[in-house]
Each structure stands twice: as C-alpha cells, then as structure tokens.
C-alpha cells in the first residue's frame, strides 16, 4: 500500500513540483555516486574535499533561492498594496 511518507511526496508537500522533486533526487543520487567513486579511487581527502565543495554550492544556492523567494513575496505584497490603494 502506498503512503505519503516517501521522500518525493515530502518534497512535493514542501512545494516542489513532481519534476523538481525527481530532479532533486537524481541530483542527490549523482552526488552520492560521485562521492563514492572519488572515495574508492582517490582516497578520503579528495572525497572530503568534494563533499565540502558540494556543501558550499548547496549553501550558496540555498541562500540565493531564499533571497529570490523573499523578493517575489515582497513584490507580490507591493502589488497587493497598490491594488488596495486603487480600490479606495
């Protein structure tokens, strides 16, 4: 029996589309696969360097995405305020 506790359902509940959720999971799978390959072929230090690089990109990307969402919300609020002013 299917449930809503699967990871892709949780991502969709957070507001991602089905396509975005799948791409996130594919990306995560690719990153973990690359980490495992680097670990086996090049050793722990290169694997940890790769992991830190990935974490840095995620943090930077998360901040940018969060900023874009805030800018969108602020512009929507400004539009709503302008509509209220014009309605009076």
PDB file of N, CA and C in Angstrom:
ATOM      1  N   UNK A   1       0.847  -1.186   0.000  1.00  0.00           N
ATOM      2  CA  UNK A   1       0.000   0.000   0.000  1.00  0.00           C
ATOM      3  C   UNK A   1       0.891   1.248   0.000  1.00  0.00           C
ATOM      4  N   UNK A   2       0.589   2.218  -0.845  1.00  0.00           N
ATOM      5  CA  UNK A   2       1.377   3.438  -0.948  1.00  0.00           C
ATOM      6  C   UNK A   2       1.082   4.371   0.220  1.00  0.00           C
ATOM      7  N   UNK A   3       2.099   5.120   0.608  1.00  0.00           N
ATOM      8  CA  UNK A   3       1.896   6.116   1.651  1.00  0.00           C
ATOM      9  C   UNK A   3       2.515   7.437   1.218  1.00  0.00           C
ATOM     10  N   UNK A   4       2.253   8.479   1.973  1.00  0.00           N
ATOM     11  CA  UNK A   4       2.755   9.814   1.644  1.00  0.00           C
ATOM     12  C   UNK A   4       4.059  10.126   2.369  1.00  0.00           C
ATOM     13  N   UNK A   5       4.689   9.113   2.974  1.00  0.00           N
ATOM     14  CA  UNK A   5       5.925   9.326   3.708  1.00  0.00           C
ATOM     15  C   UNK A   5       7.174   9.198   2.854  1.00  0.00           C
ATOM     16  N   UNK A   6       7.009   8.813   1.583  1.00  0.00           N
ATOM     17  CA  UNK A   6       8.173   8.680   0.718  1.00  0.00           C
ATOM     18  C   UNK A   6       8.800  10.043   0.468  1.00  0.00           C
ATOM     19  N   UNK A   7      10.090  10.036   0.184  1.00  0.00           N
ATOM     20  CA  UNK A   7      10.830  11.285   0.053  1.00  0.00           C
ATOM     21  C   UNK A   7      10.261  12.195  -1.034  1.00  0.00           C
ATOM     22  N   UNK A   8       9.877  11.645  -2.178  1.00  0.00           N
ATOM     23  CA  UNK A   8       9.348  12.504  -3.240  1.00  0.00           C
ATOM     24  C   UNK A   8       8.015  13.134  -2.833  1.00  0.00           C
ATOM     25  N   UNK A   9       7.224  12.436  -2.045  1.00  0.00           N
ATOM     26  CA  UNK A   9       5.967  13.024  -1.552  1.00  0.00           C
ATOM     27  C   UNK A   9       6.263  14.152  -0.565  1.00  0.00           C
ATOM     28  N   UNK A  10       7.276  13.969   0.259  1.00  0.00           N
ATOM     29  CA  UNK A  10       7.645  15.018   1.215  1.00  0.00           C
ATOM     30  C   UNK A  10       8.142  16.268   0.496  1.00  0.00           C
ATOM     31  N   UNK A  11       8.937  16.077  -0.562  1.00  0.00           N
ATOM     32  CA  UNK A  11       9.408  17.223  -1.331  1.00  0.00           C
ATOM     33  C   UNK A  11       8.239  17.951  -1.991  1.00  0.00           C
ATOM     34  N   UNK A  12       7.294  17.204  -2.529  1.00  0.00           N
ATOM     35  CA  UNK A  12       6.129  17.825  -3.156  1.00  0.00           C
ATOM     36  C   UNK A  12       5.274  18.557  -2.123  1.00  0.00           C
ATOM     37  N   UNK A  13       5.200  18.026  -0.921  1.00  0.00           N
ATOM     38  CA  UNK A  13       4.444  18.686   0.144  1.00  0.00           C
ATOM     39  C   UNK A  13       5.092  20.012   0.533  1.00  0.00           C
ATOM     40  N   UNK A  14       6.417  20.104   0.363  1.00  0.00           N
ATOM     41  CA  UNK A  14       7.132  21.348   0.667  1.00  0.00           C
ATOM     42  C   UNK A  14       6.974  22.392  -0.432  1.00  0.00           C
ATOM     43  N   UNK A  15       6.320  22.018  -1.531  1.00  0.00           N
ATOM     44  CA  UNK A  15       6.035  22.997  -2.570  1.00  0.00           C
ATOM     45  C   UNK A  15       6.745  22.761  -3.888  1.00  0.00           C
ATOM     46  N   UNK A  16       7.560  21.720  -3.977  1.00  0.00           N
ATOM     47  CA  UNK A  16       8.224  21.410  -5.236  1.00  0.00           C
ATOM     48  C   UNK A  16       7.248  20.676  -6.153  1.00  0.00           C
ATOM     49  N   UNK A  17       7.411  20.881  -7.464  1.00  0.00           N
ATOM     50  CA  UNK A  17       6.603  20.129  -8.410  1.00  0.00           C
ATOM     51  C   UNK A  17       7.145  18.707  -8.484  1.00  0.00           C
ATOM     52  N   UNK A  18       6.406  17.831  -9.134  1.00  0.00           N
ATOM     53  CA  UNK A  18       6.858  16.448  -9.270  1.00  0.00           C
ATOM     54  C   UNK A  18       8.178  16.392 -10.044  1.00  0.00           C
ATOM     55  N   UNK A  19       8.277  17.183 -11.085  1.00  0.00           N
ATOM     56  CA  UNK A  19       9.502  17.215 -11.883  1.00  0.00           C
ATOM     57  C   UNK A  19      10.680  17.725 -11.056  1.00  0.00           C
ATOM     58  N   UNK A  20      10.480  18.772 -10.278  1.00  0.00           N
ATOM     59  CA  UNK A  20      11.546  19.305  -9.436  1.00  0.00           C
ATOM     60  C   UNK A  20      11.977  18.279  -8.389  1.00  0.00           C
ATOM     61  N   UNK A  21      11.017  17.580  -7.802  1.00  0.00           N
ATOM     62  CA  UNK A  21      11.337  16.566  -6.793  1.00  0.00           C
ATOM     63  C   UNK A  21      12.189  15.450  -7.398  1.00  0.00           C
ATOM     64  N   UNK A  22      11.834  15.026  -8.601  1.00  0.00           N
ATOM     65  CA  UNK A  22      12.606  13.974  -9.275  1.00  0.00           C
ATOM     66  C   UNK A  22      14.010  14.470  -9.587  1.00  0.00           C
ATOM     67  N   UNK A  23      14.140  15.702 -10.069  1.00  0.00           N
ATOM     68  CA  UNK A  23      15.460  16.249 -10.380  1.00  0.00           C
ATOM     69  C   UNK A  23      16.322  16.388  -9.130  1.00  0.00           C
ATOM     70  N   UNK A  24      15.717  16.760  -8.016  1.00  0.00           N
ATOM     71  CA  UNK A  24      16.451  16.841  -6.749  1.00  0.00           C
ATOM     72  C   UNK A  24      16.970  15.465  -6.358  1.00  0.00           C
ATOM     73  N   UNK A  25      16.123  14.461  -6.471  1.00  0.00           N
ATOM     74  CA  UNK A  25      16.540  13.099  -6.114  1.00  0.00           C
ATOM     75  C   UNK A  25      17.609  12.569  -7.066  1.00  0.00           C
ATOM     76  N   UNK A  26      17.477  12.864  -8.367  1.00  0.00           N
ATOM     77  CA  UNK A  26      18.514  12.469  -9.328  1.00  0.00           C
ATOM     78  C   UNK A  26      19.838  13.155  -8.993  1.00  0.00           C
ATOM     79  N   UNK A  27      19.784  14.431  -8.682  1.00  0.00           N
ATOM     80  CA  UNK A  27      20.995  15.176  -8.333  1.00  0.00           C
ATOM     81  C   UNK A  27      21.666  14.618  -7.088  1.00  0.00           C
ATOM     82  N   UNK A  28      20.865  14.325  -6.086  1.00  0.00           N
ATOM     83  CA  UNK A  28      21.403  13.748  -4.849  1.00  0.00           C
ATOM     84  C   UNK A  28      22.047  12.390  -5.120  1.00  0.00           C
ATOM     85  N   UNK A  29      21.403  11.580  -5.941  1.00  0.00           N
ATOM     86  CA  UNK A  29      21.946  10.269  -6.300  1.00  0.00           C
ATOM     87  C   UNK A  29      23.267  10.423  -7.044  1.00  0.00           C
ATOM     88  N   UNK A  30      23.335  11.368  -7.970  1.00  0.00           N
ATOM     89  CA  UNK A  30      24.566  11.599  -8.725  1.00  0.00           C
ATOM     90  C   UNK A  30      25.699  12.060  -7.812  1.00  0.00           C
ATOM     91  N   UNK A  31      25.395  12.962  -6.893  1.00  0.00           N
ATOM     92  CA  UNK A  31      26.408  13.464  -5.966  1.00  0.00           C
ATOM     93  C   UNK A  31      26.939  12.338  -5.080  1.00  0.00           C
ATOM     94  N   UNK A  32      26.036  11.524  -4.552  1.00  0.00           N
ATOM     95  CA  UNK A  32      26.478  10.416  -3.692  1.00  0.00           C
ATOM     96  C   UNK A  32      27.284   9.390  -4.486  1.00  0.00           C
ATOM     97  N   UNK A  33      26.894   9.137  -5.730  1.00  0.00           N
ATOM     98  CA  UNK A  33      27.654   8.221  -6.576  1.00  0.00           C
ATOM     99  C   UNK A  33      29.048   8.746  -6.868  1.00  0.00           C
ATOM    100  N   UNK A  34      29.130  10.042  -7.157  1.00  0.00           N
ATOM    101  CA  UNK A  34      30.442  10.644  -7.411  1.00  0.00           C
ATOM    102  C   UNK A  34      31.302  10.615  -6.157  1.00  0.00           C
ATOM    103  N   UNK A  35      30.706  10.868  -5.005  1.00  0.00           N
ATOM    104  CA  UNK A  35      31.446  10.817  -3.745  1.00  0.00           C
ATOM    105  C   UNK A  35      32.010   9.413  -3.516  1.00  0.00           C
ATOM    106  N   UNK A  36      31.202   8.391  -3.743  1.00  0.00           N
ATOM    107  CA  UNK A  36      31.656   7.006  -3.549  1.00  0.00           C
ATOM    108  C   UNK A  36      32.784   6.661  -4.513  1.00  0.00           C
ATOM    109  N   UNK A  37      32.657   7.094  -5.764  1.00  0.00           N
ATOM    110  CA  UNK A  37      33.698   6.816  -6.755  1.00  0.00           C
ATOM    111  C   UNK A  37      35.004   7.516  -6.379  1.00  0.00           C
ATOM    112  N   UNK A  38      34.923   8.772  -5.998  1.00  0.00           N
ATOM    113  CA  UNK A  38      36.122   9.513  -5.595  1.00  0.00           C
ATOM    114  C   UNK A  38      36.745   8.865  -4.370  1.00  0.00           C
ATOM    115  N   UNK A  39      35.919   8.463  -3.421  1.00  0.00           N
ATOM    116  CA  UNK A  39      36.426   7.827  -2.202  1.00  0.00           C
ATOM    117  C   UNK A  39      37.192   6.551  -2.531  1.00  0.00           C
ATOM    118  N   UNK A  40      36.651   5.732  -3.397  1.00  0.00           N
ATOM    119  CA  UNK A  40      37.304   4.461  -3.726  1.00  0.00           C
ATOM    120  C   UNK A  40      38.542   4.651  -4.601  1.00  0.00           C
ATOM    121  N   UNK A  41      38.496   5.616  -5.519  1.00  0.00           N
ATOM    122  CA  UNK A  41      39.591   5.781  -6.468  1.00  0.00           C
ATOM    123  C   UNK A  41      40.702   6.704  -5.968  1.00  0.00           C
ATOM    124  N   UNK A  42      40.346   7.736  -5.198  1.00  0.00           N
ATOM    125  CA  UNK A  42      41.330   8.770  -4.857  1.00  0.00           C
ATOM    126  C   UNK A  42      41.597   8.923  -3.367  1.00  0.00           C
ATOM    127  N   UNK A  43      40.803   8.315  -2.537  1.00  0.00           N
ATOM    128  CA  UNK A  43      41.050   8.391  -1.103  1.00  0.00           C
ATOM    129  C   UNK A  43      40.132   9.356  -0.382  1.00  0.00           C
ATOM    130  N   UNK A  44      40.273   9.313   0.933  1.00  0.00           N
ATOM    131  CA  UNK A  44      39.370  10.047   1.818  1.00  0.00           C
ATOM    132  C   UNK A  44      39.505  11.558   1.679  1.00  0.00           C
ATOM    133  N   UNK A  45      40.721  12.078   1.490  1.00  0.00           N
ATOM    134  CA  UNK A  45      40.901  13.525   1.480  1.00  0.00           C
ATOM    135  C   UNK A  45      40.277  14.169   0.252  1.00  0.00           C
ATOM    136  N   UNK A  46      40.428  13.542  -0.894  1.00  0.00           N
ATOM    137  CA  UNK A  46      39.776  14.084  -2.095  1.00  0.00           C
ATOM    138  C   UNK A  46      38.266  13.951  -1.993  1.00  0.00           C
ATOM    139  N   UNK A  47      37.794  12.866  -1.403  1.00  0.00           N
ATOM    140  CA  UNK A  47      36.350  12.681  -1.225  1.00  0.00           C
ATOM    141  C   UNK A  47      35.788  13.728  -0.274  1.00  0.00           C
ATOM    142  N   UNK A  48      36.503  14.006   0.811  1.00  0.00           N
ATOM    143  CA  UNK A  48      36.042  15.041   1.747  1.00  0.00           C
ATOM    144  C   UNK A  48      36.089  16.424   1.107  1.00  0.00           C
ATOM    145  N   UNK A  49      37.112  16.672   0.289  1.00  0.00           N
ATOM    146  CA  UNK A  49      37.191  17.947  -0.433  1.00  0.00           C
ATOM    147  C   UNK A  49      35.988  18.110  -1.364  1.00  0.00           C
ATOM    148  N   UNK A  50      35.635  17.036  -2.061  1.00  0.00           N
ATOM    149  CA  UNK A  50      34.470  17.064  -2.936  1.00  0.00           C
ATOM    150  C   UNK A  50      33.200  17.327  -2.121  1.00  0.00           C
ATOM    151  N   UNK A  51      33.081  16.656  -0.977  1.00  0.00           N
ATOM    152  CA  UNK A  51      31.893  16.831  -0.136  1.00  0.00           C
ATOM    153  C   UNK A  51      31.782  18.277   0.351  1.00  0.00           C
ATOM    154  N   UNK A  52      32.894  18.872   0.760  1.00  0.00           N
ATOM    155  CA  UNK A  52      32.862  20.264   1.217  1.00  0.00           C
ATOM    156  C   UNK A  52      32.500  21.216   0.074  1.00  0.00           C
ATOM    157  N   UNK A  53      32.993  20.931  -1.110  1.00  0.00           N
ATOM    158  CA  UNK A  53      32.654  21.741  -2.271  1.00  0.00           C
ATOM    159  C   UNK A  53      31.156  21.664  -2.567  1.00  0.00           C
ATOM    160  N   UNK A  54      30.603  20.476  -2.512  1.00  0.00           N
ATOM    161  CA  UNK A  54      29.166  20.293  -2.747  1.00  0.00           C
ATOM    162  C   UNK A  54      28.353  21.032  -1.681  1.00  0.00           C
ATOM    163  N   UNK A  55      28.777  20.919  -0.433  1.00  0.00           N
ATOM    164  CA  UNK A  55      28.072  21.607   0.665  1.00  0.00           C
ATOM    165  C   UNK A  55      28.106  23.116   0.450  1.00  0.00           C
ATOM    166  N   UNK A  56      29.260  23.643   0.027  1.00  0.00           N
ATOM    167  CA  UNK A  56      29.376  25.086  -0.222  1.00  0.00           C
ATOM    168  C   UNK A  56      28.420  25.518  -1.329  1.00  0.00           C
ATOM    169  N   UNK A  57      28.343  24.743  -2.414  1.00  0.00           N
ATOM    170  CA  UNK A  57      27.422  25.074  -3.501  1.00  0.00           C
ATOM    171  C   UNK A  57      25.968  25.031  -3.021  1.00  0.00           C
ATOM    172  N   UNK A  58      25.639  24.067  -2.200  1.00  0.00           N
ATOM    173  CA  UNK A  58      24.270  23.957  -1.688  1.00  0.00           C
ATOM    174  C   UNK A  58      23.927  25.157  -0.820  1.00  0.00           C
ATOM    175  N   UNK A  59      24.843  25.549   0.052  1.00  0.00           N
ATOM    176  CA  UNK A  59      24.596  26.696   0.938  1.00  0.00           C
ATOM    177  C   UNK A  59      24.422  27.970   0.117  1.00  0.00           C
ATOM    178  N   UNK A  60      25.303  28.182  -0.846  1.00  0.00           N
ATOM    179  CA  UNK A  60      25.206  29.378  -1.694  1.00  0.00           C
ATOM    180  C   UNK A  60      23.908  29.359  -2.495  1.00  0.00           C
ATOM    181  N   UNK A  61      23.581  28.215  -3.061  1.00  0.00           N
ATOM    182  CA  UNK A  61      22.346  28.089  -3.826  1.00  0.00           C
ATOM    183  C   UNK A  61      21.116  28.285  -2.966  1.00  0.00           C
ATOM    184  N   UNK A  62      21.140  27.747  -1.750  1.00  0.00           N
ATOM    185  CA  UNK A  62      20.002  27.888  -0.848  1.00  0.00           C
ATOM    186  C   UNK A  62      19.783  29.350  -0.490  1.00  0.00           C
ATOM    187  N   UNK A  63      20.876  30.072  -0.216  1.00  0.00           N
ATOM    188  CA  UNK A  63      20.743  31.494   0.113  1.00  0.00           C
ATOM    189  C   UNK A  63      20.164  32.267  -1.064  1.00  0.00           C
ATOM    190  N   UNK A  64      20.633  31.966  -2.280  1.00  0.00           N
ATOM    191  CA  UNK A  64      20.118  32.652  -3.465  1.00  0.00           C
ATOM    192  C   UNK A  64      18.655  32.335  -3.693  1.00  0.00           C
ATOM    193  N   UNK A  65      18.272  31.080  -3.548  1.00  0.00           N
ATOM    194  CA  UNK A  65      16.874  30.686  -3.731  1.00  0.00           C
ATOM    195  C   UNK A  65      16.004  31.361  -2.680  1.00  0.00           C
ATOM    196  N   UNK A  66      16.476  31.390  -1.425  1.00  0.00           N
ATOM    197  CA  UNK A  66      15.721  32.018  -0.348  1.00  0.00           C
ATOM    198  C   UNK A  66      15.552  33.508  -0.628  1.00  0.00           C
ATOM    199  N   UNK A  67      16.605  34.154  -1.145  1.00  0.00           N
ATOM    200  CA  UNK A  67      16.536  35.578  -1.458  1.00  0.00           C
ATOM    201  C   UNK A  67      15.543  35.823  -2.589  1.00  0.00           C
ATOM    202  N   UNK A  68      15.550  34.979  -3.607  1.00  0.00           N
ATOM    203  CA  UNK A  68      14.618  35.131  -4.731  1.00  0.00           C
ATOM    204  C   UNK A  68      13.187  34.982  -4.240  1.00  0.00           C
ATOM    205  N   UNK A  69      12.929  33.998  -3.378  1.00  0.00           N
ATOM    206  CA  UNK A  69      11.575  33.816  -2.852  1.00  0.00           C
ATOM    207  C   UNK A  69      11.141  35.031  -2.049  1.00  0.00           C
ATOM    208  N   UNK A  70      12.047  35.604  -1.247  1.00  0.00           N
ATOM    209  CA  UNK A  70      11.698  36.793  -0.475  1.00  0.00           C
ATOM    210  C   UNK A  70      11.397  37.958  -1.403  1.00  0.00           C
ATOM    211  N   UNK A  71      12.209  38.134  -2.454  1.00  0.00           N
ATOM    212  CA  UNK A  71      11.963  39.216  -3.408  1.00  0.00           C
ATOM    213  C   UNK A  71      10.614  39.046  -4.091  1.00  0.00           C
ATOM    214  N   UNK A  72      10.264  37.806  -4.452  1.00  0.00           N
ATOM    215  CA  UNK A  72       8.966  37.545  -5.082  1.00  0.00           C
ATOM    216  C   UNK A  72       7.826  37.869  -4.124  1.00  0.00           C
ATOM    217  N   UNK A  73       7.985  37.470  -2.852  1.00  0.00           N
ATOM    218  CA  UNK A  73       6.936  37.744  -1.867  1.00  0.00           C
ATOM    219  C   UNK A  73       6.786  39.237  -1.650  1.00  0.00           C
ATOM    220  N   UNK A  74       7.906  39.957  -1.583  1.00  0.00           N
ATOM    221  CA  UNK A  74       7.840  41.403  -1.396  1.00  0.00           C
ATOM    222  C   UNK A  74       7.174  42.088  -2.582  1.00  0.00           C
ATOM    223  N   UNK A  75       7.471  41.640  -3.800  1.00  0.00           N
ATOM    224  CA  UNK A  75       6.850  42.250  -4.975  1.00  0.00           C
ATOM    225  C   UNK A  75       5.351  41.935  -5.013  1.00  0.00           C
ATOM    226  N   UNK A  76       4.965  40.731  -4.589  1.00  0.00           N
ATOM    227  CA  UNK A  76       3.537  40.397  -4.532  1.00  0.00           C
ATOM    228  C   UNK A  76       2.825  41.252  -3.501  1.00  0.00           C
ATOM    229  N   UNK A  77       3.474  41.498  -2.349  1.00  0.00           N
ATOM    230  CA  UNK A  77       2.870  42.350  -1.320  1.00  0.00           C
ATOM    231  C   UNK A  77       2.707  43.768  -1.841  1.00  0.00           C
ATOM    232  N   UNK A  78       3.710  44.282  -2.570  1.00  0.00           N
ATOM    233  CA  UNK A  78       3.621  45.629  -3.134  1.00  0.00           C
ATOM    234  C   UNK A  78       2.484  45.721  -4.146  1.00  0.00           C
ATOM    235  N   UNK A  79       2.306  44.690  -4.956  1.00  0.00           N
ATOM    236  CA  UNK A  79       1.219  44.676  -5.929  1.00  0.00           C
ATOM    237  C   UNK A  79      -0.126  44.677  -5.203  1.00  0.00           C
ATOM    238  N   UNK A  80      -0.239  43.872  -4.140  1.00  0.00           N
ATOM    239  CA  UNK A  80      -1.491  43.820  -3.378  1.00  0.00           C
ATOM    240  C   UNK A  80      -1.787  45.161  -2.730  1.00  0.00           C
ATOM    241  N   UNK A  81      -0.758  45.834  -2.205  1.00  0.00           N
ATOM    242  CA  UNK A  81      -0.951  47.144  -1.578  1.00  0.00           C
ATOM    243  C   UNK A  81      -1.400  48.145  -2.632  1.00  0.00           C
ATOM    244  N   UNK A  82      -0.822  48.105  -3.824  1.00  0.00           N
ATOM    245  CA  UNK A  82      -1.214  49.021  -4.888  1.00  0.00           C
ATOM    246  C   UNK A  82      -2.652  48.787  -5.319  1.00  0.00           C
ATOM    247  N   UNK A  83      -3.082  47.520  -5.370  1.00  0.00           N
ATOM    248  CA  UNK A  83      -4.468  47.230  -5.737  1.00  0.00           C
ATOM    249  C   UNK A  83      -5.423  47.757  -4.672  1.00  0.00           C
ATOM    250  N   UNK A  84      -5.058  47.639  -3.414  1.00  0.00           N
ATOM    251  CA  UNK A  84      -5.900  48.136  -2.340  1.00  0.00           C
ATOM    252  C   UNK A  84      -6.026  49.650  -2.447  1.00  0.00           C
ATOM    253  N   UNK A  85      -4.913  50.339  -2.726  1.00  0.00           N
ATOM    254  CA  UNK A  85      -4.943  51.794  -2.841  1.00  0.00           C
ATOM    255  C   UNK A  85      -5.808  52.236  -4.007  1.00  0.00           C
ATOM    256  N   UNK A  86      -5.752  51.526  -5.124  1.00  0.00           N
ATOM    257  CA  UNK A  86      -6.545  51.899  -6.289  1.00  0.00           C
ATOM    258  C   UNK A  86      -8.030  51.605  -6.091  1.00  0.00           C
ATOM    259  N   UNK A  87      -8.328  50.635  -5.239  1.00  0.00           N
ATOM    260  CA  UNK A  87      -9.718  50.280  -4.995  1.00  0.00           C
ATOM    261  C   UNK A  87     -10.435  51.304  -4.144  1.00  0.00           C
ATOM    262  N   UNK A  88      -9.712  52.077  -3.368  1.00  0.00           N
ATOM    263  CA  UNK A  88     -10.336  53.051  -2.441  1.00  0.00           C
ATOM    264  C   UNK A  88     -10.833  54.269  -3.143  1.00  0.00           C
TER     265      UNK A  88
END
